[in-house]
Amino acid sequence: VGKPYLSLFFPAENSHLAGRMIPGGGWAYFNKFGL
């Protein structure tokens, strides 16, 4: 997930993973680095 969008998913410091629908791949979890 591109860096400009990460702050939308990680507003709190204690969050480690965030979920997002990815095109053609259903739901996925990514880390604070966007991976």
Full PDB file with SEQRES, HELIX, SHEET, SSBOND, CRYST1, ORIGX, SCALE, CONECT and MASTER records, all heavy atoms in Angstrom:
SEQRES   1 A   35  VAL GLY LYS PRO TYR LEU SER LEU PHE PHE PRO ALA GLU          
SEQRES   2 A   35  ASN SER HIS LEU ALA GLY ARG MET ILE PRO GLY GLY GLY          
SEQRES   3 A   35  TRP ALA TYR PHE ASN LYS PHE GLY LEU                          
HELIX    1 AA1 LYS A    3  PHE A    9  1                                   7    
SHEET    1 AA1 2 LEU A  17  ILE A  22  0                                        
SHEET    2 AA1 2 GLY A  26  ASN A  31 -1                                        
CRYST1    1.000    1.000    1.000  90.00  90.00  90.00 P 1           1          
ORIGX1      1.000000  0.000000  0.000000        0.00000                         
ORIGX2      0.000000  1.000000  0.000000        0.00000                         
ORIGX3      0.000000  0.000000  1.000000        0.00000                         
SCALE1      1.000000  0.000000  0.000000        0.00000                         
SCALE2      0.000000  1.000000  0.000000        0.00000                         
SCALE3      0.000000  0.000000  1.000000        0.00000                         
ATOM      1  N   VAL A   1       0.891  -1.153   0.000  1.00  0.00           N  
ATOM      2  CA  VAL A   1       0.000   0.000   0.000  1.00  0.00           C  
ATOM      3  C   VAL A   1       0.928   1.202   0.000  1.00  0.00           C  
ATOM      4  O   VAL A   1       1.882   1.261   0.783  1.00  0.00           O  
ATOM      5  CB  VAL A   1      -0.909   0.006   1.247  1.00  0.00           C  
ATOM      6  CG1 VAL A   1      -1.693   1.297   1.341  1.00  0.00           C  
ATOM      7  CG2 VAL A   1      -1.840  -1.199   1.219  1.00  0.00           C  
ATOM      8  N   GLY A   2       0.703   2.170  -0.897  1.00  0.00           N  
ATOM      9  CA  GLY A   2       1.587   3.328  -1.026  1.00  0.00           C  
ATOM     10  C   GLY A   2       1.694   4.144   0.247  1.00  0.00           C  
ATOM     11  O   GLY A   2       0.732   4.278   1.009  1.00  0.00           O  
ATOM     12  N   LYS A   3       2.872   4.693   0.506  1.00  0.00           N  
ATOM     13  CA  LYS A   3       3.134   5.476   1.723  1.00  0.00           C  
ATOM     14  C   LYS A   3       2.151   6.621   1.950  1.00  0.00           C  
ATOM     15  O   LYS A   3       1.768   6.874   3.087  1.00  0.00           O  
ATOM     16  CB  LYS A   3       4.568   6.002   1.716  1.00  0.00           C  
ATOM     17  CG  LYS A   3       5.573   4.927   1.992  1.00  0.00           C  
ATOM     18  CD  LYS A   3       6.982   5.484   2.086  1.00  0.00           C  
ATOM     19  CE  LYS A   3       7.938   4.333   2.325  1.00  0.00           C  
ATOM     20  NZ  LYS A   3       9.311   4.765   2.431  1.00  0.00           N  
ATOM     21  N   PRO A   4       1.704   7.333   0.905  1.00  0.00           N  
ATOM     22  CA  PRO A   4       0.770   8.446   1.160  1.00  0.00           C  
ATOM     23  C   PRO A   4      -0.550   8.003   1.804  1.00  0.00           C  
ATOM     24  O   PRO A   4      -1.236   8.804   2.406  1.00  0.00           O  
ATOM     25  CB  PRO A   4       0.507   9.029  -0.232  1.00  0.00           C  
ATOM     26  CG  PRO A   4       1.635   8.577  -1.080  1.00  0.00           C  
ATOM     27  CD  PRO A   4       2.081   7.264  -0.511  1.00  0.00           C  
ATOM     28  N   TYR A   5      -0.864   6.708   1.707  1.00  0.00           N  
ATOM     29  CA  TYR A   5      -2.144   6.217   2.218  1.00  0.00           C  
ATOM     30  C   TYR A   5      -2.038   5.558   3.595  1.00  0.00           C  
ATOM     31  O   TYR A   5      -3.052   5.298   4.233  1.00  0.00           O  
ATOM     32  CB  TYR A   5      -2.744   5.213   1.223  1.00  0.00           C  
ATOM     33  CG  TYR A   5      -2.933   5.803  -0.143  1.00  0.00           C  
ATOM     34  CD1 TYR A   5      -1.990   5.590  -1.144  1.00  0.00           C  
ATOM     35  CD2 TYR A   5      -4.036   6.598  -0.427  1.00  0.00           C  
ATOM     36  CE1 TYR A   5      -2.149   6.144  -2.407  1.00  0.00           C  
ATOM     37  CE2 TYR A   5      -4.196   7.168  -1.682  1.00  0.00           C  
ATOM     38  CZ  TYR A   5      -3.256   6.937  -2.658  1.00  0.00           C  
ATOM     39  OH  TYR A   5      -3.418   7.490  -3.896  1.00  0.00           O  
ATOM     40  N   LEU A   6      -0.838   5.277   4.049  1.00  0.00           N  
ATOM     41  CA  LEU A   6      -0.676   4.532   5.296  1.00  0.00           C  
ATOM     42  C   LEU A   6      -1.269   5.234   6.508  1.00  0.00           C  
ATOM     43  O   LEU A   6      -1.832   4.584   7.384  1.00  0.00           O  
ATOM     44  CB  LEU A   6       0.800   4.206   5.539  1.00  0.00           C  
ATOM     45  CG  LEU A   6       1.399   3.188   4.578  1.00  0.00           C  
ATOM     46  CD1 LEU A   6       2.876   2.995   4.873  1.00  0.00           C  
ATOM     47  CD2 LEU A   6       0.651   1.874   4.639  1.00  0.00           C  
ATOM     48  N   SER A   7      -1.164   6.560   6.568  1.00  0.00           N  
ATOM     49  CA  SER A   7      -1.703   7.273   7.739  1.00  0.00           C  
ATOM     50  C   SER A   7      -3.223   7.128   7.848  1.00  0.00           C  
ATOM     51  O   SER A   7      -3.783   7.260   8.930  1.00  0.00           O  
ATOM     52  CB  SER A   7      -1.314   8.747   7.694  1.00  0.00           C  
ATOM     53  OG  SER A   7      -1.890   9.360   6.557  1.00  0.00           O  
ATOM     54  N   LEU A   8      -3.886   6.821   6.759  1.00  0.00           N  
ATOM     55  CA  LEU A   8      -5.334   6.598   6.793  1.00  0.00           C  
ATOM     56  C   LEU A   8      -5.678   5.313   7.531  1.00  0.00           C  
ATOM     57  O   LEU A   8      -6.745   5.181   8.122  1.00  0.00           O  
ATOM     58  CB  LEU A   8      -5.907   6.519   5.374  1.00  0.00           C  
ATOM     59  CG  LEU A   8      -5.734   7.751   4.506  1.00  0.00           C  
ATOM     60  CD1 LEU A   8      -6.159   7.435   3.073  1.00  0.00           C  
ATOM     61  CD2 LEU A   8      -6.543   8.906   5.061  1.00  0.00           C  
ATOM     62  N   PHE A   9      -4.763   4.355   7.510  1.00  0.00           N  
ATOM     63  CA  PHE A   9      -5.022   3.044   8.101  1.00  0.00           C  
ATOM     64  C   PHE A   9      -4.368   2.860   9.464  1.00  0.00           C  
ATOM     65  O   PHE A   9      -4.748   1.966  10.214  1.00  0.00           O  
ATOM     66  CB  PHE A   9      -4.529   1.944   7.160  1.00  0.00           C  
ATOM     67  CG  PHE A   9      -5.268   1.922   5.861  1.00  0.00           C  
ATOM     68  CD1 PHE A   9      -4.716   2.502   4.724  1.00  0.00           C  
ATOM     69  CD2 PHE A   9      -6.516   1.338   5.764  1.00  0.00           C  
ATOM     70  CE1 PHE A   9      -5.402   2.476   3.521  1.00  0.00           C  
ATOM     71  CE2 PHE A   9      -7.210   1.311   4.572  1.00  0.00           C  
ATOM     72  CZ  PHE A   9      -6.649   1.890   3.438  1.00  0.00           C  
ATOM     73  N   PHE A  10      -3.376   3.681   9.792  1.00  0.00           N  
ATOM     74  CA  PHE A  10      -2.654   3.538  11.047  1.00  0.00           C  
ATOM     75  C   PHE A  10      -2.650   4.840  11.833  1.00  0.00           C  
ATOM     76  O   PHE A  10      -1.596   5.429  12.075  1.00  0.00           O  
ATOM     77  CB  PHE A  10      -1.212   3.079  10.788  1.00  0.00           C  
ATOM     78  CG  PHE A  10      -1.118   1.705  10.210  1.00  0.00           C  
ATOM     79  CD1 PHE A  10      -0.909   1.526   8.856  1.00  0.00           C  
ATOM     80  CD2 PHE A  10      -1.259   0.588  11.016  1.00  0.00           C  
ATOM     81  CE1 PHE A  10      -0.831   0.262   8.308  1.00  0.00           C  
ATOM     82  CE2 PHE A  10      -1.179  -0.689  10.484  1.00  0.00           C  
ATOM     83  CZ  PHE A  10      -0.972  -0.851   9.120  1.00  0.00           C  
ATOM     84  N   PRO A  11      -3.826   5.299  12.266  1.00  0.00           N  
ATOM     85  CA  PRO A  11      -3.868   6.548  13.021  1.00  0.00           C  
ATOM     86  C   PRO A  11      -3.303   6.397  14.430  1.00  0.00           C  
ATOM     87  O   PRO A  11      -2.843   7.353  15.021  1.00  0.00           O  
ATOM     88  CB  PRO A  11      -5.352   6.894  13.062  1.00  0.00           C  
ATOM     89  CG  PRO A  11      -6.043   5.581  12.912  1.00  0.00           C  
ATOM     90  CD  PRO A  11      -5.150   4.735  12.052  1.00  0.00           C  
ATOM     91  N   ALA A  12      -3.315   5.191  14.968  1.00  0.00           N  
ATOM     92  CA  ALA A  12      -2.832   4.966  16.337  1.00  0.00           C  
ATOM     93  C   ALA A  12      -1.498   4.224  16.284  1.00  0.00           C  
ATOM     94  O   ALA A  12      -1.282   3.375  15.429  1.00  0.00           O  
ATOM     95  CB  ALA A  12      -3.846   4.146  17.117  1.00  0.00           C  
ATOM     96  N   GLU A  13      -0.646   4.550  17.214  1.00  0.00           N  
ATOM     97  CA  GLU A  13       0.677   3.918  17.268  1.00  0.00           C  
ATOM     98  C   GLU A  13       0.610   2.428  17.599  1.00  0.00           C  
ATOM     99  O   GLU A  13       1.496   1.682  17.250  1.00  0.00           O  
ATOM    100  CB  GLU A  13       1.557   4.628  18.312  1.00  0.00           C  
ATOM    101  CG  GLU A  13       2.027   5.988  17.870  1.00  0.00           C  
ATOM    102  CD  GLU A  13       2.930   5.927  16.643  1.00  0.00           C  
ATOM    103  OE1 GLU A  13       3.790   5.036  16.560  1.00  0.00           O  
ATOM    104  OE2 GLU A  13       2.754   6.774  15.754  1.00  0.00           O  
ATOM    105  N   ASN A  14      -0.453   2.003  18.297  1.00  0.00           N  
ATOM    106  CA  ASN A  14      -0.513   0.611  18.729  1.00  0.00           C  
ATOM    107  C   ASN A  14      -1.055  -0.337  17.647  1.00  0.00           C  
ATOM    108  O   ASN A  14      -1.100  -1.527  17.850  1.00  0.00           O  
ATOM    109  CB  ASN A  14      -1.336   0.470  20.007  1.00  0.00           C  
ATOM    110  CG  ASN A  14      -2.757   0.958  19.832  1.00  0.00           C  
ATOM    111  OD1 ASN A  14      -3.113   1.480  18.784  1.00  0.00           O  
ATOM    112  ND2 ASN A  14      -3.562   0.796  20.859  1.00  0.00           N  
ATOM    113  N   SER A  15      -1.448   0.184  16.515  1.00  0.00           N  
ATOM    114  CA  SER A  15      -1.924  -0.664  15.422  1.00  0.00           C  
ATOM    115  C   SER A  15      -0.732  -1.309  14.722  1.00  0.00           C  
ATOM    116  O   SER A  15       0.250  -0.649  14.430  1.00  0.00           O  
ATOM    117  CB  SER A  15      -2.710   0.165  14.404  1.00  0.00           C  
ATOM    118  OG  SER A  15      -3.836   0.741  14.999  1.00  0.00           O  
ATOM    119  N   HIS A  16      -0.841  -2.614  14.461  1.00  0.00           N  
ATOM    120  CA  HIS A  16       0.252  -3.321  13.795  1.00  0.00           C  
ATOM    121  C   HIS A  16      -0.116  -3.756  12.381  1.00  0.00           C  
ATOM    122  O   HIS A  16       0.739  -3.797  11.513  1.00  0.00           O  
ATOM    123  CB  HIS A  16       0.673  -4.542  14.600  1.00  0.00           C  
ATOM    124  CG  HIS A  16       1.166  -4.187  15.954  1.00  0.00           C  
ATOM    125  ND1 HIS A  16       2.329  -3.495  16.169  1.00  0.00           N  
ATOM    126  CD2 HIS A  16       0.649  -4.420  17.182  1.00  0.00           C  
ATOM    127  CE1 HIS A  16       2.509  -3.315  17.462  1.00  0.00           C  
ATOM    128  NE2 HIS A  16       1.502  -3.868  18.093  1.00  0.00           N  
ATOM    129  N   LEU A  17      -1.400  -4.116  12.181  1.00  0.00           N  
ATOM    130  CA  LEU A  17      -1.869  -4.542  10.871  1.00  0.00           C  
ATOM    131  C   LEU A  17      -3.181  -3.849  10.557  1.00  0.00           C  
ATOM    132  O   LEU A  17      -3.955  -3.527  11.456  1.00  0.00           O  
ATOM    133  CB  LEU A  17      -2.100  -6.062  10.835  1.00  0.00           C  
ATOM    134  CG  LEU A  17      -0.879  -6.962  10.970  1.00  0.00           C  
ATOM    135  CD1 LEU A  17      -1.308  -8.424  11.030  1.00  0.00           C  
ATOM    136  CD2 LEU A  17       0.089  -6.756   9.827  1.00  0.00           C  
ATOM    137  N   ALA A  18      -3.433  -3.660   9.283  1.00  0.00           N  
ATOM    138  CA  ALA A  18      -4.706  -3.085   8.837  1.00  0.00           C  
ATOM    139  C   ALA A  18      -5.222  -3.930   7.684  1.00  0.00           C  
ATOM    140  O   ALA A  18      -4.449  -4.498   6.912  1.00  0.00           O  
ATOM    141  CB  ALA A  18      -4.513  -1.639   8.391  1.00  0.00           C  
ATOM    142  N   GLY A  19      -6.553  -4.018   7.579  1.00  0.00           N  
ATOM    143  CA  GLY A  19      -7.165  -4.806   6.525  1.00  0.00           C  
ATOM    144  C   GLY A  19      -7.636  -3.928   5.379  1.00  0.00           C  
ATOM    145  O   GLY A  19      -8.040  -2.780   5.581  1.00  0.00           O  
ATOM    146  N   ARG A  20      -7.573  -4.475   4.162  1.00  0.00           N  
ATOM    147  CA  ARG A  20      -8.012  -3.741   2.972  1.00  0.00           C  
ATOM    148  C   ARG A  20      -8.369  -4.735   1.879  1.00  0.00           C  
ATOM    149  O   ARG A  20      -7.742  -5.773   1.747  1.00  0.00           O  
ATOM    150  CB  ARG A  20      -6.893  -2.839   2.486  1.00  0.00           C  
ATOM    151  CG  ARG A  20      -7.156  -2.217   1.132  1.00  0.00           C  
ATOM    152  CD  ARG A  20      -6.418  -0.934   0.967  1.00  0.00           C  
ATOM    153  NE  ARG A  20      -6.559  -0.353  -0.341  1.00  0.00           N  
ATOM    154  CZ  ARG A  20      -7.656   0.207  -0.832  1.00  0.00           C  
ATOM    155  NH1 ARG A  20      -8.756   0.218  -0.126  1.00  0.00           N  
ATOM    156  NH2 ARG A  20      -7.674   0.749  -2.019  1.00  0.00           N  
ATOM    157  N   MET A  21      -9.366  -4.382   1.091  1.00  0.00           N  
ATOM    158  CA  MET A  21      -9.711  -5.167  -0.097  1.00  0.00           C  
ATOM    159  C   MET A  21      -8.688  -4.822  -1.171  1.00  0.00           C  
ATOM    160  O   MET A  21      -8.412  -3.641  -1.395  1.00  0.00           O  
ATOM    161  CB  MET A  21     -11.118  -4.798  -0.560  1.00  0.00           C  
ATOM    162  CG  MET A  21     -11.568  -5.526  -1.790  1.00  0.00           C  
ATOM    163  SD  MET A  21     -12.016  -7.235  -1.533  1.00  0.00           S  
ATOM    164  CE  MET A  21     -13.615  -7.080  -0.777  1.00  0.00           C  
ATOM    165  N   ILE A  22      -8.099  -5.841  -1.787  1.00  0.00           N  
ATOM    166  CA  ILE A  22      -7.151  -5.570  -2.862  1.00  0.00           C  
ATOM    167  C   ILE A  22      -7.735  -6.094  -4.183  1.00  0.00           C  
ATOM    168  O   ILE A  22      -8.392  -7.129  -4.200  1.00  0.00           O  
ATOM    169  CB  ILE A  22      -5.750  -6.155  -2.586  1.00  0.00           C  
ATOM    170  CG1 ILE A  22      -5.786  -7.669  -2.403  1.00  0.00           C  
ATOM    171  CG2 ILE A  22      -5.127  -5.502  -1.375  1.00  0.00           C  
ATOM    172  CD1 ILE A  22      -4.416  -8.300  -2.288  1.00  0.00           C  
ATOM    173  N   PRO A  23      -7.527  -5.371  -5.258  1.00  0.00           N  
ATOM    174  CA  PRO A  23      -8.101  -5.760  -6.547  1.00  0.00           C  
ATOM    175  C   PRO A  23      -7.701  -7.180  -6.950  1.00  0.00           C  
ATOM    176  O   PRO A  23      -6.529  -7.530  -6.909  1.00  0.00           O  
ATOM    177  CB  PRO A  23      -7.523  -4.739  -7.530  1.00  0.00           C  
ATOM    178  CG  PRO A  23      -7.125  -3.579  -6.682  1.00  0.00           C  
ATOM    179  CD  PRO A  23      -6.734  -4.153  -5.350  1.00  0.00           C  
ATOM    180  N   GLY A  24      -8.691  -7.989  -7.266  1.00  0.00           N  
ATOM    181  CA  GLY A  24      -8.452  -9.352  -7.714  1.00  0.00           C  
ATOM    182  C   GLY A  24      -7.960 -10.293  -6.642  1.00  0.00           C  
ATOM    183  O   GLY A  24      -7.661 -11.440  -6.910  1.00  0.00           O  
ATOM    184  N   GLY A  25      -7.863  -9.814  -5.403  1.00  0.00           N  
ATOM    185  CA  GLY A  25      -7.303 -10.664  -4.364  1.00  0.00           C  
ATOM    186  C   GLY A  25      -8.127 -10.745  -3.099  1.00  0.00           C  
ATOM    187  O   GLY A  25      -7.703 -11.338  -2.132  1.00  0.00           O  
ATOM    188  N   GLY A  26      -9.296 -10.140  -3.068  1.00  0.00           N  
ATOM    189  CA  GLY A  26     -10.114 -10.185  -1.858  1.00  0.00           C  
ATOM    190  C   GLY A  26      -9.501  -9.363  -0.741  1.00  0.00           C  
ATOM    191  O   GLY A  26      -8.777  -8.397  -0.976  1.00  0.00           O  
ATOM    192  N   TRP A  27      -9.764  -9.777   0.486  1.00  0.00           N  
ATOM    193  CA  TRP A  27      -9.254  -9.060   1.654  1.00  0.00           C  
ATOM    194  C   TRP A  27      -7.825  -9.465   1.951  1.00  0.00           C  
ATOM    195  O   TRP A  27      -7.421 -10.600   1.723  1.00  0.00           O  
ATOM    196  CB  TRP A  27     -10.122  -9.350   2.875  1.00  0.00           C  
ATOM    197  CG  TRP A  27     -11.457  -8.694   2.788  1.00  0.00           C  
ATOM    198  CD1 TRP A  27     -12.632  -9.285   2.434  1.00  0.00           C  
ATOM    199  CD2 TRP A  27     -11.762  -7.320   3.024  1.00  0.00           C  
ATOM    200  NE1 TRP A  27     -13.649  -8.359   2.443  1.00  0.00           N  
ATOM    201  CE2 TRP A  27     -13.140  -7.145   2.801  1.00  0.00           C  
ATOM    202  CE3 TRP A  27     -11.001  -6.221   3.390  1.00  0.00           C  
ATOM    203  CZ2 TRP A  27     -13.770  -5.924   2.946  1.00  0.00           C  
ATOM    204  CZ3 TRP A  27     -11.629  -5.003   3.536  1.00  0.00           C  
ATOM    205  CH2 TRP A  27     -12.994  -4.859   3.322  1.00  0.00           C  
ATOM    206  N   ALA A  28      -7.071  -8.513   2.487  1.00  0.00           N  
ATOM    207  CA  ALA A  28      -5.683  -8.757   2.877  1.00  0.00           C  
ATOM    208  C   ALA A  28      -5.355  -7.885   4.080  1.00  0.00           C  
ATOM    209  O   ALA A  28      -6.026  -6.896   4.348  1.00  0.00           O  
ATOM    210  CB  ALA A  28      -4.745  -8.424   1.727  1.00  0.00           C  
ATOM    211  N   TYR A  29      -4.318  -8.267   4.824  1.00  0.00           N  
ATOM    212  CA  TYR A  29      -3.784  -7.439   5.911  1.00  0.00           C  
ATOM    213  C   TYR A  29      -2.401  -6.958   5.500  1.00  0.00           C  
ATOM    214  O   TYR A  29      -1.636  -7.701   4.871  1.00  0.00           O  
ATOM    215  CB  TYR A  29      -3.682  -8.235   7.214  1.00  0.00           C  
ATOM    216  CG  TYR A  29      -4.982  -8.311   7.971  1.00  0.00           C  
ATOM    217  CD1 TYR A  29      -5.779  -9.446   7.929  1.00  0.00           C  
ATOM    218  CD2 TYR A  29      -5.420  -7.233   8.731  1.00  0.00           C  
ATOM    219  CE1 TYR A  29      -6.966  -9.515   8.622  1.00  0.00           C  
ATOM    220  CE2 TYR A  29      -6.611  -7.281   9.433  1.00  0.00           C  
ATOM    221  CZ  TYR A  29      -7.378  -8.429   9.371  1.00  0.00           C  
ATOM    222  OH  TYR A  29      -8.563  -8.480  10.069  1.00  0.00           O  
ATOM    223  N   PHE A  30      -2.092  -5.705   5.864  1.00  0.00           N  
ATOM    224  CA  PHE A  30      -0.772  -5.159   5.580  1.00  0.00           C  
ATOM    225  C   PHE A  30      -0.220  -4.513   6.843  1.00  0.00           C  
ATOM    226  O   PHE A  30      -0.952  -4.155   7.758  1.00  0.00           O  
ATOM    227  CB  PHE A  30      -0.808  -4.175   4.407  1.00  0.00           C  
ATOM    228  CG  PHE A  30      -1.742  -3.016   4.578  1.00  0.00           C  
ATOM    229  CD1 PHE A  30      -1.294  -1.806   5.068  1.00  0.00           C  
ATOM    230  CD2 PHE A  30      -3.084  -3.139   4.235  1.00  0.00           C  
ATOM    231  CE1 PHE A  30      -2.158  -0.730   5.218  1.00  0.00           C  
ATOM    232  CE2 PHE A  30      -3.951  -2.070   4.376  1.00  0.00           C  
ATOM    233  CZ  PHE A  30      -3.489  -0.860   4.877  1.00  0.00           C  
ATOM    234  N   ASN A  31       1.122  -4.377   6.882  1.00  0.00           N  
ATOM    235  CA  ASN A  31       1.782  -3.825   8.069  1.00  0.00           C  
ATOM    236  C   ASN A  31       2.006  -2.313   7.937  1.00  0.00           C  
ATOM    237  O   ASN A  31       1.616  -1.712   6.941  1.00  0.00           O  
ATOM    238  CB  ASN A  31       3.083  -4.577   8.365  1.00  0.00           C  
ATOM    239  CG  ASN A  31       4.119  -4.422   7.272  1.00  0.00           C  
ATOM    240  OD1 ASN A  31       4.098  -3.486   6.468  1.00  0.00           O  
ATOM    241  ND2 ASN A  31       5.061  -5.353   7.241  1.00  0.00           N  
ATOM    242  N   LYS A  32       2.643  -1.714   8.942  1.00  0.00           N  
ATOM    243  CA  LYS A  32       2.864  -0.259   8.977  1.00  0.00           C  
ATOM    244  C   LYS A  32       3.733   0.257   7.831  1.00  0.00           C  
ATOM    245  O   LYS A  32       3.729   1.438   7.538  1.00  0.00           O  
ATOM    246  CB  LYS A  32       3.529   0.145  10.295  1.00  0.00           C  
ATOM    247  CG  LYS A  32       2.627   0.079  11.471  1.00  0.00           C  
ATOM    248  CD  LYS A  32       3.380   0.557  12.700  1.00  0.00           C  
ATOM    249  CE  LYS A  32       2.441   0.694  13.865  1.00  0.00           C  
ATOM    250  NZ  LYS A  32       3.075   1.310  15.010  1.00  0.00           N  
ATOM    251  N   PHE A  33       4.472  -0.638   7.204  1.00  0.00           N  
ATOM    252  CA  PHE A  33       5.317  -0.245   6.079  1.00  0.00           C  
ATOM    253  C   PHE A  33       4.570  -0.369   4.750  1.00  0.00           C  
ATOM    254  O   PHE A  33       5.117  -0.075   3.705  1.00  0.00           O  
ATOM    255  CB  PHE A  33       6.593  -1.084   6.050  1.00  0.00           C  
ATOM    256  CG  PHE A  33       7.356  -1.006   7.338  1.00  0.00           C  
ATOM    257  CD1 PHE A  33       7.325  -2.060   8.229  1.00  0.00           C  
ATOM    258  CD2 PHE A  33       8.074   0.140   7.675  1.00  0.00           C  
ATOM    259  CE1 PHE A  33       8.008  -1.987   9.433  1.00  0.00           C  
ATOM    260  CE2 PHE A  33       8.758   0.216   8.881  1.00  0.00           C  
ATOM    261  CZ  PHE A  33       8.721  -0.849   9.764  1.00  0.00           C  
ATOM    262  N   GLY A  34       3.325  -0.858   4.831  1.00  0.00           N  
ATOM    263  CA  GLY A  34       2.502  -1.018   3.644  1.00  0.00           C  
ATOM    264  C   GLY A  34       2.595  -2.381   2.998  1.00  0.00           C  
ATOM    265  O   GLY A  34       1.854  -2.686   2.068  1.00  0.00           O  
ATOM    266  N   LEU A  35       3.504  -3.226   3.474  1.00  0.00           N  
ATOM    267  CA  LEU A  35       3.688  -4.558   2.894  1.00  0.00           C  
ATOM    268  C   LEU A  35       2.469  -5.429   3.178  1.00  0.00           C  
ATOM    269  O   LEU A  35       2.056  -5.582   4.333  1.00  0.00           O  
ATOM    270  CB  LEU A  35       4.940  -5.227   3.468  1.00  0.00           C  
ATOM    271  CG  LEU A  35       5.194  -6.674   3.013  1.00  0.00           C  
ATOM    272  CD1 LEU A  35       5.449  -6.741   1.509  1.00  0.00           C  
ATOM    273  CD2 LEU A  35       6.357  -7.259   3.793  1.00  0.00           C  
TER     274      LEU A  35                                                      
MASTER        0    0    0    1    2    0    0    6  273    1    0    3          
END                                                                             
